[in-house]
C-alpha atoms as a PDB file:
ATOM      1  CA  MET A   1       0.019  13.533  -2.253  1.00  0.00           C
ATOM      2  CA  PRO A   2      -2.920  14.726  -4.428  1.00  0.00           C
ATOM      3  CA  LYS A   3      -4.103  18.306  -3.981  1.00  0.00           C
ATOM      4  CA  VAL A   4      -7.275  18.644  -1.925  1.00  0.00           C
ATOM      5  CA  ASN A   5      -9.463  20.073  -4.684  1.00  0.00           C
ATOM      6  CA  ILE A   6     -12.823  18.375  -4.267  1.00  0.00           C
ATOM      7  CA  LYS A   7     -15.180  18.293  -7.233  1.00  0.00           C
ATOM      8  CA  SER A   8     -17.512  15.507  -6.163  1.00  0.00           C
ATOM      9  CA  ASN A   9     -21.143  16.197  -5.252  1.00  0.00           C
ATOM     10  CA  ARG A  10     -21.561  12.589  -4.102  1.00  0.00           C
ATOM     11  CA  VAL A  11     -19.846  13.098  -0.754  1.00  0.00           C
ATOM     12  CA  LEU A  12     -21.663  15.195   1.834  1.00  0.00           C
ATOM     13  CA  PHE A  13     -20.356  16.056   5.280  1.00  0.00           C
ATOM     14  CA  GLY A  14     -23.190  16.220   7.787  1.00  0.00           C
ATOM     15  CA  PRO A  15     -25.857  14.057   9.461  1.00  0.00           C
ATOM     16  CA  PRO A  16     -27.603  11.640   7.045  1.00  0.00           C
ATOM     17  CA  ASP A  17     -31.298  12.233   6.357  1.00  0.00           C
ATOM     18  CA  TYR A  18     -32.608   8.662   6.202  1.00  0.00           C
ATOM     19  CA  SER A  19     -36.207   9.644   5.366  1.00  0.00           C
ATOM     20  CA  SER A  20     -35.314  11.739   2.337  1.00  0.00           C
ATOM     21  CA  LEU A  21     -32.956   9.088   1.002  1.00  0.00           C
ATOM     22  CA  SER A  22     -35.613   6.387   1.364  1.00  0.00           C
ATOM     23  CA  GLU A  23     -38.159   8.528  -0.457  1.00  0.00           C
ATOM     24  CA  MET A  24     -35.717   8.887  -3.357  1.00  0.00           C
ATOM     25  CA  GLY A  25     -35.286   5.107  -3.631  1.00  0.00           C
ATOM     26  CA  TYR A  26     -31.919   4.772  -1.948  1.00  0.00           C
ATOM     27  CA  MET A  27     -30.706   1.842   0.096  1.00  0.00           C
ATOM     28  CA  PHE A  28     -27.994   2.795   2.565  1.00  0.00           C
ATOM     29  CA  ALA A  29     -25.755   1.315   5.222  1.00  0.00           C
ATOM     30  CA  ASP A  30     -22.970   2.109   7.636  1.00  0.00           C
ATOM     31  CA  MET A  31     -20.263   0.223   5.750  1.00  0.00           C
ATOM     32  CA  HIS A  32     -17.711  -0.142   8.549  1.00  0.00           C
ATOM     33  CA  PHE A  33     -18.769  -1.420  11.958  1.00  0.00           C
ATOM     34  CA  HIS A  34     -17.077  -3.647  14.547  1.00  0.00           C
ATOM     35  CA  THR A  35     -18.419  -5.997  17.204  1.00  0.00           C
ATOM     36  CA  ASN A  36     -17.076  -8.043  20.090  1.00  0.00           C
ATOM     37  CA  CYS A  37     -16.012 -10.608  17.513  1.00  0.00           C
ATOM     38  CA  SER A  38     -12.892  -8.439  17.191  1.00  0.00           C
ATOM     39  CA  ASP A  39     -11.834  -5.223  18.932  1.00  0.00           C
ATOM     40  CA  SER A  40     -15.176  -3.865  20.181  1.00  0.00           C
ATOM     41  CA  PHE A  41     -17.430  -4.633  23.131  1.00  0.00           C
ATOM     42  CA  THR A  42     -20.621  -4.244  21.060  1.00  0.00           C
ATOM     43  CA  ASP A  43     -22.821  -7.297  20.577  1.00  0.00           C
ATOM     44  CA  VAL A  44     -23.803  -7.781  16.947  1.00  0.00           C
ATOM     45  CA  MET A  45     -27.485  -8.313  17.793  1.00  0.00           C
ATOM     46  CA  ASP A  46     -27.561  -4.961  19.577  1.00  0.00           C
ATOM     47  CA  ALA A  47     -25.923  -3.271  16.585  1.00  0.00           C
ATOM     48  CA  VAL A  48     -28.440  -4.735  14.153  1.00  0.00           C
ATOM     49  CA  ALA A  49     -31.362  -3.895  16.440  1.00  0.00           C
ATOM     50  CA  LEU A  50     -30.272  -0.250  16.628  1.00  0.00           C
ATOM     51  CA  ALA A  51     -29.743  -0.112  12.860  1.00  0.00           C
ATOM     52  CA  ARG A  52     -33.289  -1.410  12.388  1.00  0.00           C
ATOM     53  CA  MET A  53     -34.703   1.121  14.846  1.00  0.00           C
ATOM     54  CA  ARG A  54     -32.884   4.001  13.169  1.00  0.00           C
ATOM     55  CA  GLY A  55     -33.915   2.812   9.717  1.00  0.00           C
ATOM     56  CA  THR A  56     -30.462   2.215   8.292  1.00  0.00           C
ATOM     57  CA  GLY A  57     -28.471  -0.781   7.128  1.00  0.00           C
ATOM     58  CA  VAL A  58     -25.080  -1.897   8.384  1.00  0.00           C
ATOM     59  CA  ALA A  59     -22.065  -3.884   7.199  1.00  0.00           C
ATOM     60  CA  ILE A  60     -20.412  -5.895   9.959  1.00  0.00           C
ATOM     61  CA  THR A  61     -16.692  -5.697   9.196  1.00  0.00           C
ATOM     62  CA  ASP A  62     -14.691  -7.201  12.030  1.00  0.00           C
ATOM     63  CA  HIS A  63     -10.923  -7.501  11.687  1.00  0.00           C
ATOM     64  CA  ASN A  64     -10.046 -10.874  10.092  1.00  0.00           C
ATOM     65  CA  LEU A  65     -13.059 -12.574  11.712  1.00  0.00           C
ATOM     66  CA  ILE A  66     -16.570 -13.232  10.446  1.00  0.00           C
ATOM     67  CA  ALA A  67     -18.586 -14.914  13.224  1.00  0.00           C
ATOM     68  CA  SER A  68     -20.712 -11.813  13.873  1.00  0.00           C
ATOM     69  CA  ALA A  69     -21.148 -11.108  10.173  1.00  0.00           C
ATOM     70  CA  VAL A  70     -22.319 -14.665   9.506  1.00  0.00           C
ATOM     71  CA  LYS A  71     -24.718 -14.523  12.435  1.00  0.00           C
ATOM     72  CA  VAL A  72     -26.725 -11.624  10.994  1.00  0.00           C
ATOM     73  CA  ALA A  73     -25.862 -11.536   7.290  1.00  0.00           C
ATOM     74  CA  ASP A  74     -29.118 -13.030   6.067  1.00  0.00           C
ATOM     75  CA  LYS A  75     -31.574 -11.269   8.380  1.00  0.00           C
ATOM     76  CA  LYS A  76     -34.705 -10.142   6.562  1.00  0.00           C
ATOM     77  CA  ASP A  77     -35.876  -7.280   8.787  1.00  0.00           C
ATOM     78  CA  VAL A  78     -32.809  -5.079   8.325  1.00  0.00           C
ATOM     79  CA  PHE A  79     -30.391  -4.441   5.471  1.00  0.00           C
ATOM     80  CA  VAL A  80     -27.115  -6.188   6.372  1.00  0.00           C
ATOM     81  CA  ILE A  81     -24.043  -6.659   4.179  1.00  0.00           C
ATOM     82  CA  PRO A  82     -21.627  -9.545   4.874  1.00  0.00           C
ATOM     83  CA  GLY A  83     -18.180  -8.051   5.317  1.00  0.00           C
ATOM     84  CA  ILE A  84     -14.708  -8.301   6.741  1.00  0.00           C
ATOM     85  CA  GLU A  85     -11.873  -5.845   7.354  1.00  0.00           C
ATOM     86  CA  VAL A  86      -8.627  -7.596   6.503  1.00  0.00           C
ATOM     87  CA  SER A  87      -5.598  -6.431   8.501  1.00  0.00           C
ATOM     88  CA  THR A  88      -2.845  -7.123   5.995  1.00  0.00           C
ATOM     89  CA  SER A  89       0.607  -8.202   7.062  1.00  0.00           C
ATOM     90  CA  ASP A  90       2.220  -4.999   5.740  1.00  0.00           C
ATOM     91  CA  GLY A  91      -0.165  -2.551   7.383  1.00  0.00           C
ATOM     92  CA  PRO A  92      -3.145  -1.373   5.280  1.00  0.00           C
ATOM     93  CA  HIS A  93      -6.672  -2.451   6.158  1.00  0.00           C
ATOM     94  CA  ILE A  94      -8.873  -3.640   3.312  1.00  0.00           C
ATOM     95  CA  LEU A  95     -12.675  -3.783   3.490  1.00  0.00           C
ATOM     96  CA  MET A  96     -14.385  -6.597   1.591  1.00  0.00           C
ATOM     97  CA  TYR A  97     -18.150  -6.673   1.027  1.00  0.00           C
ATOM     98  CA  PHE A  98     -19.670  -9.910  -0.218  1.00  0.00           C
ATOM     99  CA  TYR A  99     -22.766 -10.584  -2.288  1.00  0.00           C
ATOM    100  CA  GLU A 100     -23.271 -13.953  -0.606  1.00  0.00           C
ATOM    101  CA  THR A 101     -22.481 -15.089   2.928  1.00  0.00           C
ATOM    102  CA  ARG A 102     -21.239 -18.467   1.687  1.00  0.00           C
ATOM    103  CA  ASP A 103     -18.643 -16.735  -0.516  1.00  0.00           C
ATOM    104  CA  MET A 104     -17.367 -14.758   2.470  1.00  0.00           C
ATOM    105  CA  SER A 105     -17.138 -17.908   4.575  1.00  0.00           C
ATOM    106  CA  ALA A 106     -15.309 -19.831   1.851  1.00  0.00           C
ATOM    107  CA  PHE A 107     -12.820 -16.990   1.328  1.00  0.00           C
ATOM    108  CA  TRP A 108     -12.199 -16.686   5.052  1.00  0.00           C
ATOM    109  CA  ARG A 109     -11.604 -20.412   5.554  1.00  0.00           C
ATOM    110  CA  LYS A 110      -9.159 -20.661   2.656  1.00  0.00           C
ATOM    111  CA  TYR A 111      -7.161 -17.439   2.919  1.00  0.00           C
ATOM    112  CA  ILE A 112      -7.698 -15.695   6.256  1.00  0.00           C
ATOM    113  CA  ARG A 113      -8.031 -18.389   8.909  1.00  0.00           C
ATOM    114  CA  PRO A 114      -4.620 -19.993   8.115  1.00  0.00           C
ATOM    115  CA  ASN A 115      -2.947 -16.587   8.598  1.00  0.00           C
ATOM    116  CA  LEU A 116      -4.452 -15.580  11.942  1.00  0.00           C
ATOM    117  CA  GLN A 117      -2.101 -14.527  14.743  1.00  0.00           C
ATOM    118  CA  SER A 118      -2.571 -15.267  18.449  1.00  0.00           C
ATOM    119  CA  CYS A 119      -4.357 -11.912  18.560  1.00  0.00           C
ATOM    120  CA  PRO A 120      -6.623 -12.711  15.588  1.00  0.00           C
ATOM    121  CA  TRP A 121      -7.659  -9.202  14.623  1.00  0.00           C
ATOM    122  CA  LEU A 122      -4.125  -7.862  14.188  1.00  0.00           C
ATOM    123  CA  ALA A 123      -1.923  -8.064  11.076  1.00  0.00           C
ATOM    124  CA  LEU A 124      -2.082 -11.450   9.369  1.00  0.00           C
ATOM    125  CA  LYS A 125       0.985 -13.701   9.188  1.00  0.00           C
ATOM    126  CA  ASP A 126       1.441 -13.842   5.427  1.00  0.00           C
ATOM    127  CA  MET A 127      -1.111 -11.754   3.558  1.00  0.00           C
ATOM    128  CA  SER A 128       0.339  -8.512   2.249  1.00  0.00           C
ATOM    129  CA  THR A 129      -1.863  -5.924   0.578  1.00  0.00           C
ATOM    130  CA  GLU A 130      -0.580  -6.903  -2.851  1.00  0.00           C
ATOM    131  CA  LYS A 131      -1.043 -10.614  -2.171  1.00  0.00           C
ATOM    132  CA  LEU A 132      -4.583 -10.093  -0.872  1.00  0.00           C
ATOM    133  CA  LEU A 133      -5.700  -7.969  -3.813  1.00  0.00           C
ATOM    134  CA  TYR A 134      -3.972 -10.258  -6.317  1.00  0.00           C
ATOM    135  CA  THR A 135      -5.733 -13.261  -4.762  1.00  0.00           C
ATOM    136  CA  ILE A 136      -9.127 -11.552  -4.966  1.00  0.00           C
ATOM    137  CA  GLU A 137      -8.519 -10.700  -8.605  1.00  0.00           C
ATOM    138  CA  GLN A 138      -7.051 -14.035  -9.711  1.00  0.00           C
ATOM    139  CA  GLU A 139      -9.606 -16.145  -7.834  1.00  0.00           C
ATOM    140  CA  ASP A 140     -12.408 -13.899  -9.122  1.00  0.00           C
ATOM    141  CA  ILE A 141     -13.830 -13.432  -5.624  1.00  0.00           C
ATOM    142  CA  HIS A 142     -17.313 -11.927  -5.954  1.00  0.00           C
ATOM    143  CA  CYS A 143     -17.071  -8.897  -3.693  1.00  0.00           C
ATOM    144  CA  VAL A 144     -16.539  -5.138  -3.505  1.00  0.00           C
ATOM    145  CA  VAL A 145     -13.101  -4.055  -2.277  1.00  0.00           C
ATOM    146  CA  SER A 146     -12.504  -0.714  -0.563  1.00  0.00           C
ATOM    147  CA  ALA A 147      -9.433   0.690   1.195  1.00  0.00           C
ATOM    148  CA  ALA A 148     -10.359   1.485   4.802  1.00  0.00           C
ATOM    149  CA  HIS A 149      -9.253   4.865   6.255  1.00  0.00           C
ATOM    150  CA  PRO A 150      -6.735   5.361   3.415  1.00  0.00           C
ATOM    151  CA  LEU A 151      -4.601   7.859   5.340  1.00  0.00           C
ATOM    152  CA  GLY A 152      -4.092   5.492   8.275  1.00  0.00           C
ATOM    153  CA  TYR A 153      -4.544   6.255  11.957  1.00  0.00           C
ATOM    154  CA  PHE A 154      -2.201   8.465  13.998  1.00  0.00           C
ATOM    155  CA  GLY A 155       0.636   8.171  11.503  1.00  0.00           C
ATOM    156  CA  THR A 156       0.423   4.380  11.215  1.00  0.00           C
ATOM    157  CA  ASN A 157       0.518   2.427   7.950  1.00  0.00           C
ATOM    158  CA  LYS A 158      -3.054   1.170   8.297  1.00  0.00           C
ATOM    159  CA  GLY A 159      -4.168   2.855   5.085  1.00  0.00           C
ATOM    160  CA  VAL A 160      -3.341   2.264   1.425  1.00  0.00           C
ATOM    161  CA  GLU A 161      -2.883   5.924   0.517  1.00  0.00           C
ATOM    162  CA  ILE A 162      -0.462   6.713   3.342  1.00  0.00           C
ATOM    163  CA  CYS A 163       1.638   3.707   2.263  1.00  0.00           C
ATOM    164  CA  ILE A 164       1.631   4.963  -1.318  1.00  0.00           C
ATOM    165  CA  GLU A 165       2.736   8.406  -0.126  1.00  0.00           C
ATOM    166  CA  LYS A 166       5.550   6.861   1.925  1.00  0.00           C
ATOM    167  CA  GLY A 167       6.679   4.717  -0.996  1.00  0.00           C
ATOM    168  CA  TYR A 168       5.817   1.431   0.720  1.00  0.00           C
ATOM    169  CA  LEU A 169       3.259   0.576  -1.966  1.00  0.00           C
ATOM    170  CA  SER A 170       3.128   1.325  -5.668  1.00  0.00           C
ATOM    171  CA  GLU A 171       0.330   3.559  -6.928  1.00  0.00           C
ATOM    172  CA  ASP A 172      -0.546   0.691  -9.280  1.00  0.00           C
ATOM    173  CA  ILE A 173      -2.109  -1.092  -6.287  1.00  0.00           C
ATOM    174  CA  VAL A 174      -5.250   1.038  -6.639  1.00  0.00           C
ATOM    175  CA  LYS A 175      -6.067  -0.652  -9.951  1.00  0.00           C
ATOM    176  CA  MET A 176      -7.148  -3.693  -7.932  1.00  0.00           C
ATOM    177  CA  LEU A 177      -9.502  -1.663  -5.711  1.00  0.00           C
ATOM    178  CA  ASP A 178     -13.114  -0.686  -6.324  1.00  0.00           C
ATOM    179  CA  ALA A 179     -13.253   2.195  -3.860  1.00  0.00           C
ATOM    180  CA  TYR A 180     -11.673   4.315  -1.168  1.00  0.00           C
ATOM    181  CA  GLU A 181     -13.396   4.913   2.151  1.00  0.00           C
ATOM    182  CA  VAL A 182     -13.775   8.697   1.828  1.00  0.00           C
ATOM    183  CA  ILE A 183     -15.599   9.379   5.092  1.00  0.00           C
ATOM    184  CA  CYS A 184     -14.400   7.391   8.070  1.00  0.00           C
ATOM    185  CA  SER A 185     -15.705   9.032  11.210  1.00  0.00           C
ATOM    186  CA  GLY A 186     -12.650   8.018  13.204  1.00  0.00           C
ATOM    187  CA  MET A 187     -10.397  10.067  10.918  1.00  0.00           C
ATOM    188  CA  THR A 188      -9.783  13.805  10.920  1.00  0.00           C
ATOM    189  CA  HIS A 189     -11.698  15.935   8.435  1.00  0.00           C
ATOM    190  CA  SER A 190      -8.504  16.816   6.591  1.00  0.00           C
ATOM    191  CA  SER A 191      -7.592  13.124   6.227  1.00  0.00           C
ATOM    192  CA  ASN A 192     -11.023  12.334   4.808  1.00  0.00           C
ATOM    193  CA  LEU A 193     -10.665  15.194   2.331  1.00  0.00           C
ATOM    194  CA  ARG A 194      -7.268  13.853   1.271  1.00  0.00           C
ATOM    195  CA  ALA A 195      -8.775  10.360   0.857  1.00  0.00           C
ATOM    196  CA  LEU A 196     -11.537  11.834  -1.306  1.00  0.00           C
ATOM    197  CA  ALA A 197      -9.056  13.782  -3.413  1.00  0.00           C
ATOM    198  CA  ALA A 198      -7.015  10.618  -3.957  1.00  0.00           C
ATOM    199  CA  ALA A 199     -10.122   8.622  -4.920  1.00  0.00           C
ATOM    200  CA  GLU A 200     -10.995  11.277  -7.494  1.00  0.00           C
ATOM    201  CA  GLN A 201      -7.464  11.248  -8.867  1.00  0.00           C
ATOM    202  CA  TYR A 202      -7.502   7.461  -9.264  1.00  0.00           C
ATOM    203  CA  GLY A 203     -11.065   7.284 -10.590  1.00  0.00           C
ATOM    204  CA  LEU A 204     -12.213   5.083  -7.704  1.00  0.00           C
ATOM    205  CA  SER A 205     -15.706   4.792  -6.294  1.00  0.00           C
ATOM    206  CA  TYR A 206     -16.601   5.789  -2.729  1.00  0.00           C
ATOM    207  CA  THR A 207     -17.607   4.049   0.471  1.00  0.00           C
ATOM    208  CA  GLY A 208     -18.121   5.525   3.913  1.00  0.00           C
ATOM    209  CA  GLY A 209     -18.638   4.191   7.414  1.00  0.00           C
ATOM    210  CA  THR A 210     -18.173   5.000  11.052  1.00  0.00           C
ATOM    211  CA  ASP A 211     -15.438   2.467  11.814  1.00  0.00           C
ATOM    212  CA  GLY A 212     -17.732   2.188  14.793  1.00  0.00           C
ATOM    213  CA  HIS A 213     -16.778   0.296  17.926  1.00  0.00           C
ATOM    214  CA  MET A 214     -19.495   1.717  20.176  1.00  0.00           C
ATOM    215  CA  LEU A 215     -23.182   0.929  19.752  1.00  0.00           C
ATOM    216  CA  GLU A 216     -24.256   4.569  19.567  1.00  0.00           C
ATOM    217  CA  GLU A 217     -22.232   5.072  16.371  1.00  0.00           C
ATOM    218  CA  VAL A 218     -24.309   2.824  14.103  1.00  0.00           C
ATOM    219  CA  GLY A 219     -25.403   4.709  10.987  1.00  0.00           C
ATOM    220  CA  ASN A 220     -23.706   8.049  11.649  1.00  0.00           C
ATOM    221  CA  VAL A 221     -21.881   7.658   8.322  1.00  0.00           C
ATOM    222  CA  ILE A 222     -23.605   5.868   5.453  1.00  0.00           C
ATOM    223  CA  THR A 223     -23.062   4.777   1.877  1.00  0.00           C
ATOM    224  CA  ALA A 224     -26.198   5.123  -0.276  1.00  0.00           C
ATOM    225  CA  VAL A 225     -27.125   3.688  -3.671  1.00  0.00           C
ATOM    226  CA  GLN A 226     -30.407   3.721  -5.561  1.00  0.00           C
ATOM    227  CA  ALA A 227     -31.127   0.001  -5.399  1.00  0.00           C
ATOM    228  CA  SER A 228     -33.713  -2.554  -4.345  1.00  0.00           C
ATOM    229  CA  ASN A 229     -31.492  -5.384  -3.074  1.00  0.00           C
ATOM    230  CA  ARG A 230     -27.970  -6.208  -1.909  1.00  0.00           C
ATOM    231  CA  GLU A 231     -26.725  -7.139  -5.380  1.00  0.00           C
ATOM    232  CA  GLU A 232     -27.868  -3.864  -6.933  1.00  0.00           C
ATOM    233  CA  PHE A 233     -26.440  -1.961  -3.991  1.00  0.00           C
ATOM    234  CA  LEU A 234     -22.973  -3.486  -4.304  1.00  0.00           C
ATOM    235  CA  ASP A 235     -23.066  -3.226  -8.099  1.00  0.00           C
ATOM    236  CA  GLY A 236     -23.852   0.467  -7.654  1.00  0.00           C
ATOM    237  CA  ILE A 237     -20.722   0.962  -5.588  1.00  0.00           C
ATOM    238  CA  LYS A 238     -18.641  -0.865  -8.183  1.00  0.00           C
ATOM    239  CA  GLY A 239     -20.207   1.277 -10.904  1.00  0.00           C
ATOM    240  CA  GLY A 240     -19.393   4.539  -9.146  1.00  0.00           C
ATOM    241  CA  TYR A 241     -22.961   5.517  -8.246  1.00  0.00           C
ATOM    242  CA  SER A 242     -22.644   5.637  -4.463  1.00  0.00           C
ATOM    243  CA  LEU A 243     -23.278   8.614  -2.224  1.00  0.00           C
ATOM    244  CA  VAL A 244     -21.425   8.951   1.074  1.00  0.00           C
ATOM    245  CA  ILE A 245     -22.948  11.049   3.832  1.00  0.00           C
ATOM    246  CA  GLY A 246     -21.763  11.601   7.397  1.00  0.00           C
ATOM    247  CA  GLN A 247     -19.262  13.383   9.569  1.00  0.00           C
ATOM    248  CA  GLU A 248     -16.332  12.781  11.853  1.00  0.00           C
ATOM    249  CA  LYS A 249     -16.694  11.926  15.530  1.00  0.00           C
ATOM    250  CA  SER A 250     -15.916  14.517  18.159  1.00  0.00           C
ATOM    251  CA  VAL A 251     -12.543  14.352  19.896  1.00  0.00           C
ATOM    252  CA  ILE A 252     -14.249  13.069  23.056  1.00  0.00           C
ATOM    253  CA  LYS A 253     -15.958  10.231  21.185  1.00  0.00           C
ATOM    254  CA  LYS A 254     -12.739   9.342  19.399  1.00  0.00           C
ATOM    255  CA  ALA A 255     -10.956   9.131  22.741  1.00  0.00           C
ATOM    256  CA  LYS A 256     -13.733   6.968  24.174  1.00  0.00           C
ATOM    257  CA  MET A 257     -13.607   4.608  21.198  1.00  0.00           C
ATOM    258  CA  GLY A 258      -9.829   4.448  21.374  1.00  0.00           C
ATOM    259  CA  SER A 259      -9.860   3.561  25.057  1.00  0.00           C
ATOM    260  CA  GLU A 260     -12.352   0.740  24.512  1.00  0.00           C
ATOM    261  CA  SER A 261     -10.289  -0.700  21.652  1.00  0.00           C
ATOM    262  CA  PHE A 262      -7.135  -0.398  23.749  1.00  0.00           C
ATOM    263  CA  VAL A 263      -8.711  -2.478  26.511  1.00  0.00           C
ATOM    264  CA  ARG A 264      -9.552  -5.208  23.990  1.00  0.00           C
ATOM    265  CA  PHE A 265      -5.993  -5.173  22.647  1.00  0.00           C
ATOM    266  CA  MET A 266      -4.566  -5.419  26.145  1.00  0.00           C
ATOM    267  CA  GLU A 267      -6.361  -8.742  26.538  1.00  0.00           C
ATOM    268  CA  HIS A 268      -3.821 -10.084  24.037  1.00  0.00           C
ATOM    269  CA  ALA A 269      -0.705  -8.292  25.273  1.00  0.00           C
ATOM    270  CA  PRO A 270       2.222  -8.851  24.840  1.00  0.00           C
ATOM    271  CA  SER A 271       1.457 -10.724  21.591  1.00  0.00           C
ATOM    272  CA  ALA A 272      -0.410  -7.664  20.280  1.00  0.00           C
ATOM    273  CA  PHE A 273       2.667  -5.486  20.812  1.00  0.00           C
ATOM    274  CA  TYR A 274       4.856  -8.046  19.055  1.00  0.00           C
ATOM    275  CA  VAL A 275       2.570  -8.240  16.008  1.00  0.00           C
ATOM    276  CA  GLN A 276       2.304  -4.451  15.696  1.00  0.00           C
ATOM    277  CA  THR A 277       6.073  -4.019  15.992  1.00  0.00           C
ATOM    278  CA  ARG A 278       6.790  -6.711  13.413  1.00  0.00           C
ATOM    279  CA  SER A 279       4.329  -5.103  10.992  1.00  0.00           C
ATOM    280  CA  GLY A 280       6.082  -1.751  11.390  1.00  0.00           C
ATOM    281  CA  VAL A 281       9.524  -3.252  10.817  1.00  0.00           C
ATOM    282  CA  ARG A 282       8.252  -5.060   7.722  1.00  0.00           C
ATOM    283  CA  SER A 283       6.972  -1.777   6.261  1.00  0.00           C
ATOM    284  CA  ILE A 284      10.300  -0.048   6.894  1.00  0.00           C
ATOM    285  CA  ARG A 285      12.199  -2.873   5.201  1.00  0.00           C
ATOM    286  CA  ARG A 286       9.783  -2.755   2.294  1.00  0.00           C
ATOM    287  CA  SER A 287      10.372   0.961   1.890  1.00  0.00           C
ATOM    288  CA  GLY A 288      14.141   0.506   2.023  1.00  0.00           C
ATOM    289  CA  SER A 289      13.989  -2.208  -0.610  1.00  0.00           C
ATOM    290  CA  LYS A 290      11.949   0.008  -2.955  1.00  0.00           C
ATOM    291  CA  ILE A 291      14.307   2.946  -2.484  1.00  0.00           C
ATOM    292  CA  GLY A 292      17.286   0.688  -3.185  1.00  0.00           C
ATOM    293  CA  SER A 293      15.673  -0.593  -6.369  1.00  0.00           C
ATOM    294  CA  LYS A 294      14.998   2.956  -7.570  1.00  0.00           C
ATOM    295  CA  ILE A 295      18.624   3.945  -6.974  1.00  0.00           C
ATOM    296  CA  LYS A 296      19.872   0.884  -8.873  1.00  0.00           C
ATOM    297  CA  ASP A 297      17.510   1.630 -11.773  1.00  0.00           C
ATOM    298  CA  ARG A 298      18.684   5.236 -11.906  1.00  0.00           C
ATOM    299  CA  ILE A 299      22.356   4.199 -11.970  1.00  0.00           C
ATOM    300  CA  ARG A 300      21.624   1.569 -14.623  1.00  0.00           C
ATOM    301  CA  ASN A 301      19.791   4.063 -16.841  1.00  0.00           C
ATOM    302  CA  GLN A 302      22.604   6.615 -16.583  1.00  0.00           C
ATOM    303  CA  GLY A 303      25.049   4.112 -18.013  1.00  0.00           C
ATOM    304  CA  PRO A 304      28.845   4.096 -17.467  1.00  0.00           C
ATOM    305  CA  ARG A 305      30.521   7.351 -16.541  1.00  0.00           C
ATOM    306  CA  GLN A 306      32.640   9.011 -19.215  1.00  0.00           C
ATOM    307  CA  ARG A 307      36.164   9.904 -18.169  1.00  0.00           C
ATOM    308  CA  GLY A 308      37.441  13.332 -19.059  1.00  0.00           C
END
């Protein structure tokens, strides 16, 4: 685990000042928001309307599904980024932000839809983190890729960094990422600091978002880039020019969000429980396989024992 020794002045913990950012030529958006397309009760039109009223942009990033994102992606009266949060088969969640809605739709039809489970926003059937990132790289998918809540949630493997720390994933995986989500308002402050420290260590760019499931959360965490359109904004993230501003939710709000998500998951029980359990078992097996390989390599490198 990297030491929490933060040097960045591009990540600020506190309420965003939309007016000042606009005056300085920044475009900004909450880069992680869910709707009733997946595990939230929030209607996408309500989310976009509130974003417009507050003067911020928003990326709709439902788990494995894009109906809400497609519905609003090309609106002209508010800054919206087409996105998706992919729930990989081995645990980590990967955020993808697309330059064009048609590219997102084509990617989803070819790679995500065939792997959906009966509960569509849970872990995909056959799309590991490595396979997903390799596919994006080899197919030259035009998007920005960020690891959502890198330290996972409540000890789960839903983050890239926690899986690296546990030995489930190789550190080399980060070479196929553009960014880490360094402020996720659903995480603890210490976890966000650890995510930021890891991003600095790897030389990754930053994104931030609320991971919002309730309407009131829209825009409480933002990613900002000096830009005049979506392309420049996403290029700015890739280039390492993004600012992330926001803060974590209170314990009460986290509990409220968790209870709402739990109700949505219960609509798909017991299949949801089965998928989550299988994902956990797969991660444990993966870890055991890696440990076994390391032991074999160590024995091989030591060579035959010399008898006295």
